[in-house]
Amino acid sequence: TMLSPGLWIGAFLMIGSTTSRSIGRSCMALSSPAMSVSTPAGRSPFIAPDWVEGVLKNTPRHGRLTLANLPTPVHRIDPGQGQRGGKKSVLSRLWDLGITLYIKRDDMTGGIETGGNKIRKLEFLLAEALAEGYDSVVTIGGEQSNHCRATASAARMLGLEPHLVLRTRRANSIKPVGDNDFGYTGNVLVDRLVGSTIYTCTPGEYGRVGSQDLVERVCQHIQTEDPEKKAYPIPVGGSNGLGSWGYIKGVDELISQLNGVELDHVVFACGSGGTAAGITLGMVLANSNGSEKTGPTIHAIGVCDNPDYFYQTVSHIADEMGLSLSSPMSTEDFVRKHLIAHQGKGLGYAASTPEELDFITAFALETGIVLDPVYSGKALYHFITDALEEDPELYRGTNVLFWHTGGALGMYDKGESLLEKLTEVSPVTRLDVYGKG
């Protein structure tokens, strides 16, 4: 059931296949998936996987929307793939240890409007917003927030009005409404194309007041301005006990794709904790089956804050999801038993080192896959250079799945930092069209 087209794009794991197929049939299934006409506003009941029964008790009451392009594919990256001129592979450390690398492509959940991991959460969050009669949504994030961009776009698809609070060091330099100083780079371009009302705050204000309180203040402002309005608050990253069901469903999807491949490690970027909560709980519950076996080791590479913060955040979300443990251990002890949170923020959230950007560029050259500088690129870089080196033998000969969470629009914000490297790897030459030398 594996397809390995030489040294180009790696291999696909056949989506949803439970039986072996010929390569011909598999290729057809990949290139021509069954599609049907749908409407974003169409809510459908959500049937939770059997393996959460009795353990996660707060199942979504309002079903889910069909906003994401699912299932997303899984690619296998082959050793030597895309290497040029005998240069050492950026992934050579993995190959030295005999590691097989798979990538779950959640960067392919949608186009530039909704692509990335956040749309899985928004399918549940916005289903609740519609069911309860809201006409506006308010959420919060960094200036180049993938979550805010996906929320704003999905809201417009559903006829809801998007309001975004964006954290930026430029907040005090933003002039009154009508001035275009805020710009239109990367995610901000999409935010503005879909007509978001944008409010800015400084990182200091964000830290002192808190993201939840800022969102609530904007909701109150909207409803004070127009009492007929009803604004639905969405937390940073869409990360709460409802949104994280998107990754319970994501784990169920992944399991249906593996076709007998046993994963030893699952790695992903962690920023607000919702994806980490869903993947961790999903992987543990889906693989336990009442036995001691709990599936692959889960690695969350934190791109901000610190590991203790993520253990606490994931535990809080697990409680919101209604986690009911048969043992006397606390939720946080359970999370710490099954999740390893690594420090991977480098210079800080959304700040890139030259080494991180070089890694992202080299990875794209070798695989044709673009990682983002804030989440997936930083996470995979720090997993290979830091986490892996803490105990290399733990990973020898193992199957590692990296869950790509999208965010490539964030690369536009790094253009100047990438200029020298891009000039080296992608030279531009004027074509001598008329042969005049």
Protein backbone atom coordinates (compact mmCIF):
# COMPACT_ATOMS: atom_id res chain seq x y z
CA THR A 1 0.00 0.00 0.00
CA MET A 2 3.02 2.31 -0.28
CA LEU A 3 3.76 4.35 -3.38
CA SER A 4 7.30 5.71 -3.73
CA PRO A 5 7.76 7.77 -6.90
CA GLY A 6 11.56 7.88 -6.93
CA LEU A 7 13.22 10.89 -5.38
CA TRP A 8 10.48 13.45 -5.86
CA ILE A 9 7.65 13.86 -3.39
CA GLY A 10 7.95 10.82 -1.10
CA ALA A 11 5.22 8.30 -0.66
CA PHE A 12 1.54 8.43 0.19
CA LEU A 13 -0.12 6.23 2.74
CA MET A 14 -3.39 5.21 1.16
CA ILE A 15 -6.22 7.22 2.61
CA GLY A 16 -8.83 5.21 4.43
CA SER A 17 -7.66 1.94 2.92
CA THR A 18 -8.11 -1.18 4.99
CA THR A 19 -7.10 -3.67 2.33
CA SER A 20 -4.10 -3.92 0.06
CA ARG A 21 -4.54 -2.50 -3.41
CA SER A 22 -2.56 -2.49 -6.58
CA ILE A 23 -0.42 0.58 -7.19
CA GLY A 24 -2.64 1.49 -10.13
CA ARG A 25 -5.80 1.53 -8.06
CA SER A 26 -4.03 3.41 -5.27
CA CYS A 27 -2.83 6.11 -7.64
CA MET A 28 -6.34 6.55 -8.95
CA ALA A 29 -7.74 6.84 -5.46
CA LEU A 30 -5.24 9.56 -4.62
CA SER A 31 -5.66 11.61 -7.76
CA SER A 32 -9.45 11.34 -7.94
CA PRO A 33 -10.91 11.34 -4.41
CA ALA A 34 -14.65 11.09 -4.12
CA MET A 35 -16.10 14.57 -3.67
CA SER A 36 -19.59 15.89 -3.23
CA VAL A 37 -21.28 19.28 -3.22
CA SER A 38 -21.51 20.75 0.26
CA THR A 39 -22.34 23.99 2.01
CA PRO A 40 -20.11 25.35 4.77
CA ALA A 41 -23.12 26.15 6.93
CA GLY A 42 -24.43 22.59 6.83
CA ARG A 43 -24.11 21.09 10.32
CA SER A 44 -23.93 17.33 10.69
CA PRO A 45 -24.08 15.21 13.84
CA PHE A 46 -20.70 14.28 15.28
CA ILE A 47 -20.31 10.65 16.26
CA ALA A 48 -17.30 10.32 18.52
CA PRO A 49 -14.94 7.35 18.02
CA ASP A 50 -15.77 4.31 20.11
CA TRP A 51 -12.48 4.60 21.99
CA VAL A 52 -13.49 7.83 23.76
CA GLU A 53 -16.69 6.35 25.18
CA GLY A 54 -16.85 6.74 28.94
CA VAL A 55 -13.52 8.60 29.03
CA LEU A 56 -14.21 11.92 27.31
CA LYS A 57 -17.70 12.80 28.45
CA ASN A 58 -18.28 16.31 27.11
CA THR A 59 -18.91 15.44 23.47
CA PRO A 60 -19.89 18.30 21.13
CA ARG A 61 -23.63 19.06 21.39
CA HIS A 62 -24.03 20.90 18.10
CA GLY A 63 -22.23 18.57 15.70
CA ARG A 64 -19.64 19.92 13.28
CA LEU A 65 -19.42 21.85 10.04
CA THR A 66 -17.66 20.65 6.91
CA LEU A 67 -15.08 23.40 6.44
CA ALA A 68 -11.83 21.45 5.99
CA ASN A 69 -10.67 19.37 3.05
CA LEU A 70 -10.34 16.01 4.76
CA PRO A 71 -8.71 13.60 5.02
CA THR A 72 -5.32 15.19 4.58
CA PRO A 73 -2.61 12.94 3.11
CA VAL A 74 0.34 11.34 4.87
CA HIS A 75 3.66 11.50 3.02
CA ARG A 76 6.74 9.38 3.61
CA ILE A 77 10.00 11.23 3.08
CA ASP A 78 12.62 8.94 1.59
CA PRO A 79 16.38 9.18 2.34
CA GLY A 80 18.23 11.07 -0.37
CA GLN A 81 15.06 12.59 -1.73
CA GLY A 82 15.78 15.83 -3.57
CA GLN A 83 19.43 16.15 -2.55
CA ARG A 84 21.46 18.28 -4.92
CA GLY A 85 25.16 18.33 -5.80
CA GLY A 86 26.20 15.84 -3.14
CA LYS A 87 25.32 18.24 -0.34
CA LYS A 88 24.56 16.74 3.05
CA SER A 89 20.84 16.33 3.65
CA VAL A 90 19.22 18.57 6.24
CA LEU A 91 17.60 15.35 7.46
CA SER A 92 20.85 13.33 7.53
CA ARG A 93 20.67 12.86 11.30
CA LEU A 94 17.38 11.01 10.87
CA TRP A 95 18.81 8.79 8.16
CA ASP A 96 21.93 8.07 10.25
CA LEU A 97 19.66 6.70 12.96
CA GLY A 98 17.57 4.69 10.52
CA ILE A 99 14.48 6.77 11.23
CA THR A 100 11.56 6.66 8.79
CA LEU A 101 9.89 10.06 8.57
CA TYR A 102 6.20 10.53 7.78
CA ILE A 103 4.42 13.87 7.49
CA LYS A 104 0.71 14.38 8.12
CA ARG A 105 -0.15 17.25 5.80
CA ASP A 106 -2.60 19.43 7.71
CA ASP A 107 -1.20 22.34 5.75
CA MET A 108 -3.55 20.97 3.08
CA THR A 109 -6.83 21.32 4.97
CA GLY A 110 -7.81 24.31 2.84
CA GLY A 111 -6.60 27.08 0.56
CA ILE A 112 -4.91 30.25 1.77
CA GLU A 113 -8.12 31.19 3.57
CA THR A 114 -8.54 28.21 5.91
CA GLY A 115 -5.49 25.96 5.48
CA GLY A 116 -3.72 24.62 8.56
CA ASN A 117 -4.66 22.94 11.81
CA LYS A 118 -7.05 25.61 13.11
CA ILE A 119 -9.89 24.77 10.73
CA ARG A 120 -10.33 21.35 12.38
CA LYS A 121 -11.15 23.15 15.64
CA LEU A 122 -13.29 25.76 13.92
CA GLU A 123 -15.58 23.07 12.49
CA PHE A 124 -16.81 22.50 16.06
CA LEU A 125 -16.55 26.03 17.43
CA LEU A 126 -18.44 27.68 14.57
CA ALA A 127 -21.06 24.92 14.59
CA GLU A 128 -21.87 26.03 18.13
CA ALA A 129 -21.87 29.71 17.09
CA LEU A 130 -24.43 29.03 14.36
CA ALA A 131 -26.56 26.74 16.50
CA GLU A 132 -26.80 29.34 19.26
CA GLY A 133 -27.69 32.23 16.98
CA TYR A 134 -24.51 34.32 16.99
CA ASP A 135 -23.94 36.74 14.11
CA SER A 136 -20.34 37.77 14.86
CA VAL A 137 -17.16 36.11 16.07
CA VAL A 138 -14.27 37.56 18.06
CA THR A 139 -10.87 35.92 18.44
CA ILE A 140 -7.28 36.86 19.19
CA GLY A 141 -3.72 36.08 18.17
CA GLY A 142 -0.40 37.46 16.98
CA GLU A 143 -0.11 39.87 14.08
CA GLN A 144 0.50 36.99 11.67
CA SER A 145 -1.96 34.64 13.38
CA ASN A 146 -2.95 31.66 11.24
CA HIS A 147 -5.86 31.07 13.58
CA CYS A 148 -7.23 34.59 13.15
CA ARG A 149 -6.95 34.34 9.37
CA ALA A 150 -8.74 30.97 9.28
CA THR A 151 -11.42 32.19 11.71
CA ALA A 152 -12.10 35.35 9.71
CA SER A 153 -12.33 33.45 6.42
CA ALA A 154 -14.52 30.67 7.80
CA ALA A 155 -16.78 33.23 9.48
CA ARG A 156 -17.39 34.97 6.15
CA MET A 157 -18.20 31.61 4.53
CA LEU A 158 -20.91 31.23 7.16
CA GLY A 159 -22.28 34.76 7.00
CA LEU A 160 -20.74 35.78 10.31
CA GLU A 161 -18.91 39.06 10.93
CA PRO A 162 -15.23 38.61 11.93
CA HIS A 163 -13.53 40.71 14.60
CA LEU A 164 -9.83 40.12 15.37
CA VAL A 165 -7.60 41.29 18.19
CA LEU A 166 -4.02 41.20 16.88
CA ARG A 167 -1.03 41.42 19.19
CA THR A 168 1.74 43.52 17.63
CA ARG A 169 4.72 45.58 18.71
CA ARG A 170 3.47 48.16 16.19
CA ALA A 171 0.19 48.72 18.04
CA ASN A 172 1.08 52.19 19.28
CA SER A 173 2.06 53.34 15.78
CA ILE A 174 -1.25 52.32 14.18
CA LYS A 175 -3.15 55.46 13.23
CA PRO A 176 -6.94 55.91 13.39
CA VAL A 177 -9.37 54.04 11.17
CA GLY A 178 -8.97 54.89 7.50
CA ASP A 179 -5.17 54.86 7.51
CA ASN A 180 -3.48 51.90 5.81
CA ASP A 181 -0.36 51.78 7.99
CA PHE A 182 -1.20 48.31 9.31
CA GLY A 183 -0.23 46.81 5.95
CA TYR A 184 -1.21 43.72 4.03
CA THR A 185 1.53 41.12 4.44
CA GLY A 186 0.82 37.39 4.71
CA ASN A 187 -2.10 36.48 6.95
CA VAL A 188 -3.01 40.15 7.45
CA LEU A 189 -3.78 40.44 3.73
CA VAL A 190 -6.38 37.67 4.01
CA ASP A 191 -7.74 39.11 7.27
CA ARG A 192 -8.40 42.37 5.46
CA LEU A 193 -9.63 40.85 2.19
CA VAL A 194 -12.49 39.20 4.08
CA GLY A 195 -13.33 42.46 5.84
CA SER A 196 -12.23 41.77 9.39
CA THR A 197 -12.56 44.53 11.92
CA ILE A 198 -9.09 44.57 13.47
CA TYR A 199 -8.20 45.80 16.96
CA THR A 200 -4.55 45.93 18.04
CA CYS A 201 -2.83 45.55 21.39
CA THR A 202 0.78 45.43 22.47
CA PRO A 203 2.45 42.22 23.74
CA GLY A 204 2.63 43.87 27.17
CA GLU A 205 -1.11 44.58 27.22
CA TYR A 206 -1.79 41.04 26.04
CA GLY A 207 0.32 39.64 28.88
CA ARG A 208 -1.09 41.87 31.61
CA VAL A 209 -4.78 41.72 30.68
CA GLY A 210 -4.91 38.23 29.20
CA SER A 211 -6.27 36.98 25.89
CA GLN A 212 -9.63 35.82 27.27
CA ASP A 213 -10.40 39.17 28.89
CA LEU A 214 -9.44 41.06 25.74
CA VAL A 215 -11.79 38.93 23.66
CA GLU A 216 -14.60 39.45 26.16
CA ARG A 217 -14.04 43.22 26.11
CA VAL A 218 -14.41 43.32 22.33
CA CYS A 219 -17.56 41.18 22.51
CA GLN A 220 -19.02 43.64 25.01
CA HIS A 221 -17.97 46.59 22.83
CA ILE A 222 -19.74 45.10 19.79
CA GLN A 223 -22.92 44.48 21.74
CA THR A 224 -22.82 47.93 23.35
CA GLU A 225 -22.48 49.55 19.94
CA ASP A 226 -25.37 47.50 18.58
CA PRO A 227 -27.56 45.65 21.10
CA GLU A 228 -28.93 43.53 18.27
CA LYS A 229 -25.48 41.98 17.74
CA LYS A 230 -24.46 38.73 19.38
CA ALA A 231 -20.69 38.09 19.37
CA TYR A 232 -19.27 34.58 19.86
CA PRO A 233 -15.91 34.51 21.71
CA ILE A 234 -13.24 32.12 20.42
CA PRO A 235 -10.09 31.66 22.52
CA VAL A 236 -6.56 32.06 21.22
CA GLY A 237 -5.82 29.23 18.77
CA GLY A 238 -9.38 27.94 19.08
CA SER A 239 -7.95 25.94 21.96
CA ASN A 240 -10.59 24.85 24.43
CA GLY A 241 -12.52 21.74 25.30
CA LEU A 242 -14.78 22.08 22.27
CA GLY A 243 -12.24 23.01 19.59
CA SER A 244 -9.86 20.23 20.58
CA TRP A 245 -12.38 17.63 19.43
CA GLY A 246 -11.13 18.53 15.97
CA TYR A 247 -7.96 16.60 16.76
CA ILE A 248 -9.79 13.68 18.31
CA LYS A 249 -11.33 13.40 14.87
CA GLY A 250 -7.90 14.02 13.32
CA VAL A 251 -6.37 11.09 15.21
CA ASP A 252 -9.24 8.86 14.13
CA GLU A 253 -8.54 9.92 10.54
CA LEU A 254 -4.82 9.20 10.85
CA ILE A 255 -5.40 5.74 12.26
CA SER A 256 -7.51 4.85 9.22
CA GLN A 257 -4.58 5.82 6.96
CA LEU A 258 -1.72 3.90 8.52
CA ASN A 259 -2.37 0.48 6.95
CA GLY A 260 -0.32 -1.46 9.44
CA VAL A 261 2.45 1.11 9.91
CA GLU A 262 3.17 1.34 13.63
CA LEU A 263 4.25 4.80 14.69
CA ASP A 264 6.78 5.12 17.49
CA HIS A 265 6.80 8.91 17.82
CA VAL A 266 4.38 11.69 16.87
CA VAL A 267 5.80 15.23 16.78
CA PHE A 268 4.08 18.59 16.29
CA ALA A 269 4.37 22.29 17.07
CA CYS A 270 2.54 23.55 20.15
CA GLY A 271 1.42 27.15 20.64
CA SER A 272 -1.95 27.36 22.39
CA GLY A 273 -2.33 23.72 23.46
CA GLY A 274 -5.55 22.64 21.72
CA THR A 275 -3.92 20.56 19.01
CA ALA A 276 -1.62 19.01 21.64
CA ALA A 277 -4.61 18.10 23.82
CA GLY A 278 -6.53 16.48 20.98
CA ILE A 279 -3.57 14.51 19.61
CA THR A 280 -2.35 13.38 23.03
CA LEU A 281 -5.74 12.21 24.29
CA GLY A 282 -6.62 10.73 20.91
CA MET A 283 -3.40 8.76 20.55
CA VAL A 284 -3.51 7.43 24.09
CA LEU A 285 -7.19 6.43 24.05
CA ALA A 286 -7.18 5.01 20.53
CA ASN A 287 -4.21 2.77 21.28
CA SER A 288 -5.01 1.64 24.82
CA ASN A 289 -7.93 -0.74 24.21
CA GLY A 290 -7.93 -1.58 27.89
CA SER A 291 -4.28 -2.69 27.79
CA GLU A 292 -1.01 -1.16 28.95
CA LYS A 293 -0.09 -0.26 25.35
CA THR A 294 -0.67 3.44 24.77
CA GLY A 295 0.67 3.92 21.26
CA PRO A 296 3.45 6.23 20.11
CA THR A 297 5.34 8.68 22.29
CA ILE A 298 3.85 12.15 21.83
CA HIS A 299 6.19 15.14 21.47
CA ALA A 300 4.87 18.73 21.61
CA ILE A 301 7.53 21.24 20.59
CA GLY A 302 6.61 24.49 22.29
CA VAL A 303 7.12 27.59 20.14
CA CYS A 304 6.37 29.94 23.05
CA ASP A 305 6.07 29.83 26.84
CA ASN A 306 7.59 26.78 28.59
CA PRO A 307 6.89 23.05 29.05
CA ASP A 308 5.16 23.45 32.44
CA TYR A 309 2.76 25.95 30.89
CA PHE A 310 1.81 23.42 28.20
CA TYR A 311 1.33 20.56 30.66
CA GLN A 312 -1.04 22.77 32.63
CA THR A 313 -2.85 24.07 29.53
CA VAL A 314 -3.34 20.62 28.01
CA SER A 315 -4.58 19.34 31.39
CA HIS A 316 -7.11 22.19 31.63
CA ILE A 317 -8.41 21.44 28.13
CA ALA A 318 -8.63 17.72 28.95
CA ASP A 319 -10.78 18.56 31.96
CA GLU A 320 -13.01 20.74 29.76
CA MET A 321 -13.42 17.75 27.44
CA GLY A 322 -14.69 15.72 30.38
CA LEU A 323 -11.69 13.43 30.87
CA SER A 324 -12.67 10.73 33.34
CA LEU A 325 -9.80 8.57 34.57
CA SER A 326 -10.25 5.11 36.07
CA SER A 327 -7.08 5.56 38.14
CA PRO A 328 -6.65 8.00 41.04
CA MET A 329 -3.97 10.07 39.25
CA SER A 330 -4.62 13.73 38.51
CA THR A 331 -5.28 14.98 34.99
CA GLU A 332 -1.90 16.71 34.90
CA ASP A 333 -0.11 13.53 36.03
CA PHE A 334 -1.91 11.66 33.25
CA VAL A 335 -0.84 14.28 30.69
CA ARG A 336 2.77 14.28 31.88
CA LYS A 337 2.82 10.49 31.65
CA HIS A 338 1.82 10.48 27.99
CA LEU A 339 3.13 13.77 26.58
CA ILE A 340 6.66 15.14 26.38
CA ALA A 341 6.64 18.93 26.06
CA HIS A 342 9.92 20.23 24.68
CA GLN A 343 11.28 23.76 24.68
CA GLY A 344 11.57 24.91 21.07
CA LYS A 345 10.82 28.63 21.03
CA GLY A 346 14.39 29.67 20.20
CA LEU A 347 14.51 33.47 20.21
CA GLY A 348 10.81 33.62 21.09
CA TYR A 349 7.39 33.38 19.50
CA ALA A 350 7.50 34.27 15.77
CA ALA A 351 11.20 35.26 16.04
CA SER A 352 13.45 33.23 13.75
CA THR A 353 17.16 32.47 13.93
CA PRO A 354 19.21 32.24 10.70
CA GLU A 355 19.64 28.52 11.42
CA GLU A 356 15.88 27.96 11.59
CA LEU A 357 15.32 29.79 8.30
CA ASP A 358 18.20 27.89 6.65
CA PHE A 359 16.57 24.64 7.78
CA ILE A 360 13.20 25.64 6.32
CA THR A 361 14.82 26.58 3.02
CA ALA A 362 16.84 23.36 2.81
CA PHE A 363 13.80 21.26 3.73
CA ALA A 364 11.79 22.86 0.92
CA LEU A 365 14.65 22.22 -1.53
CA GLU A 366 14.84 18.55 -0.60
CA THR A 367 11.17 17.70 -0.24
CA GLY A 368 9.12 20.35 -2.02
CA ILE A 369 7.26 20.90 1.26
CA VAL A 370 7.16 24.40 2.73
CA LEU A 371 7.24 24.65 6.50
CA ASP A 372 6.33 27.87 8.28
CA PRO A 373 8.74 29.90 10.45
CA VAL A 374 6.49 30.25 13.50
CA TYR A 375 5.24 26.71 14.09
CA SER A 376 6.11 23.68 11.95
CA GLY A 377 9.49 24.85 10.68
CA LYS A 378 10.67 25.86 14.13
CA ALA A 379 9.26 22.68 15.69
CA LEU A 380 10.86 20.22 13.28
CA TYR A 381 14.18 22.07 13.46
CA HIS A 382 14.27 21.95 17.26
CA PHE A 383 13.07 18.35 17.35
CA ILE A 384 16.00 17.25 15.16
CA THR A 385 18.68 19.48 16.65
CA ASP A 386 17.65 19.42 20.33
CA ALA A 387 15.04 16.85 21.38
CA LEU A 388 16.49 14.04 19.27
CA GLU A 389 19.98 14.62 20.64
CA GLU A 390 18.86 14.23 24.25
CA ASP A 391 18.74 10.46 23.69
CA PRO A 392 19.46 9.51 20.03
CA GLU A 393 19.28 5.77 20.68
CA LEU A 394 15.65 6.15 21.77
CA TYR A 395 14.80 6.98 18.15
CA ARG A 396 17.05 4.54 16.29
CA GLY A 397 15.14 2.51 13.70
CA THR A 398 11.80 4.07 14.59
CA ASN A 399 8.85 5.46 12.65
CA VAL A 400 8.40 9.17 13.35
CA LEU A 401 5.34 11.11 12.19
CA PHE A 402 5.57 14.89 12.04
CA TRP A 403 2.16 16.58 12.03
CA HIS A 404 2.48 19.64 9.74
CA THR A 405 0.07 22.27 11.04
CA GLY A 406 0.35 24.74 8.14
CA GLY A 407 1.05 28.45 8.32
CA ALA A 408 3.10 29.07 5.17
CA LEU A 409 1.63 32.57 4.81
CA GLY A 410 3.90 33.50 7.71
CA MET A 411 6.88 33.16 5.36
CA TYR A 412 5.97 36.46 3.71
CA ASP A 413 6.85 38.25 6.93
CA LYS A 414 10.38 36.78 6.71
CA GLY A 415 11.14 37.92 3.16
CA GLU A 416 14.01 40.27 4.02
CA SER A 417 15.62 37.69 6.33
CA LEU A 418 15.44 35.08 3.57
CA LEU A 419 16.75 37.30 0.78
CA GLU A 420 20.42 36.24 0.92
CA LYS A 421 19.59 32.53 1.09
CA LEU A 422 17.02 32.76 -1.70
CA THR A 423 19.53 34.51 -3.93
CA GLU A 424 21.88 31.58 -3.35
CA VAL A 425 19.41 28.74 -3.93
CA SER A 426 17.22 30.41 -6.56
CA PRO A 427 19.27 32.65 -8.86
CA VAL A 428 17.42 34.89 -11.30
CA THR A 429 18.99 35.51 -14.73
CA ARG A 430 17.81 37.73 -17.55
CA LEU A 431 17.13 35.52 -20.57
CA ASP A 432 19.01 36.61 -23.72
CA VAL A 433 15.93 36.26 -25.87
CA TYR A 434 17.37 37.74 -29.06
CA GLY A 435 20.91 36.36 -28.81
CA LYS A 436 22.59 39.76 -28.49
CA GLY A 437 24.94 38.62 -25.75
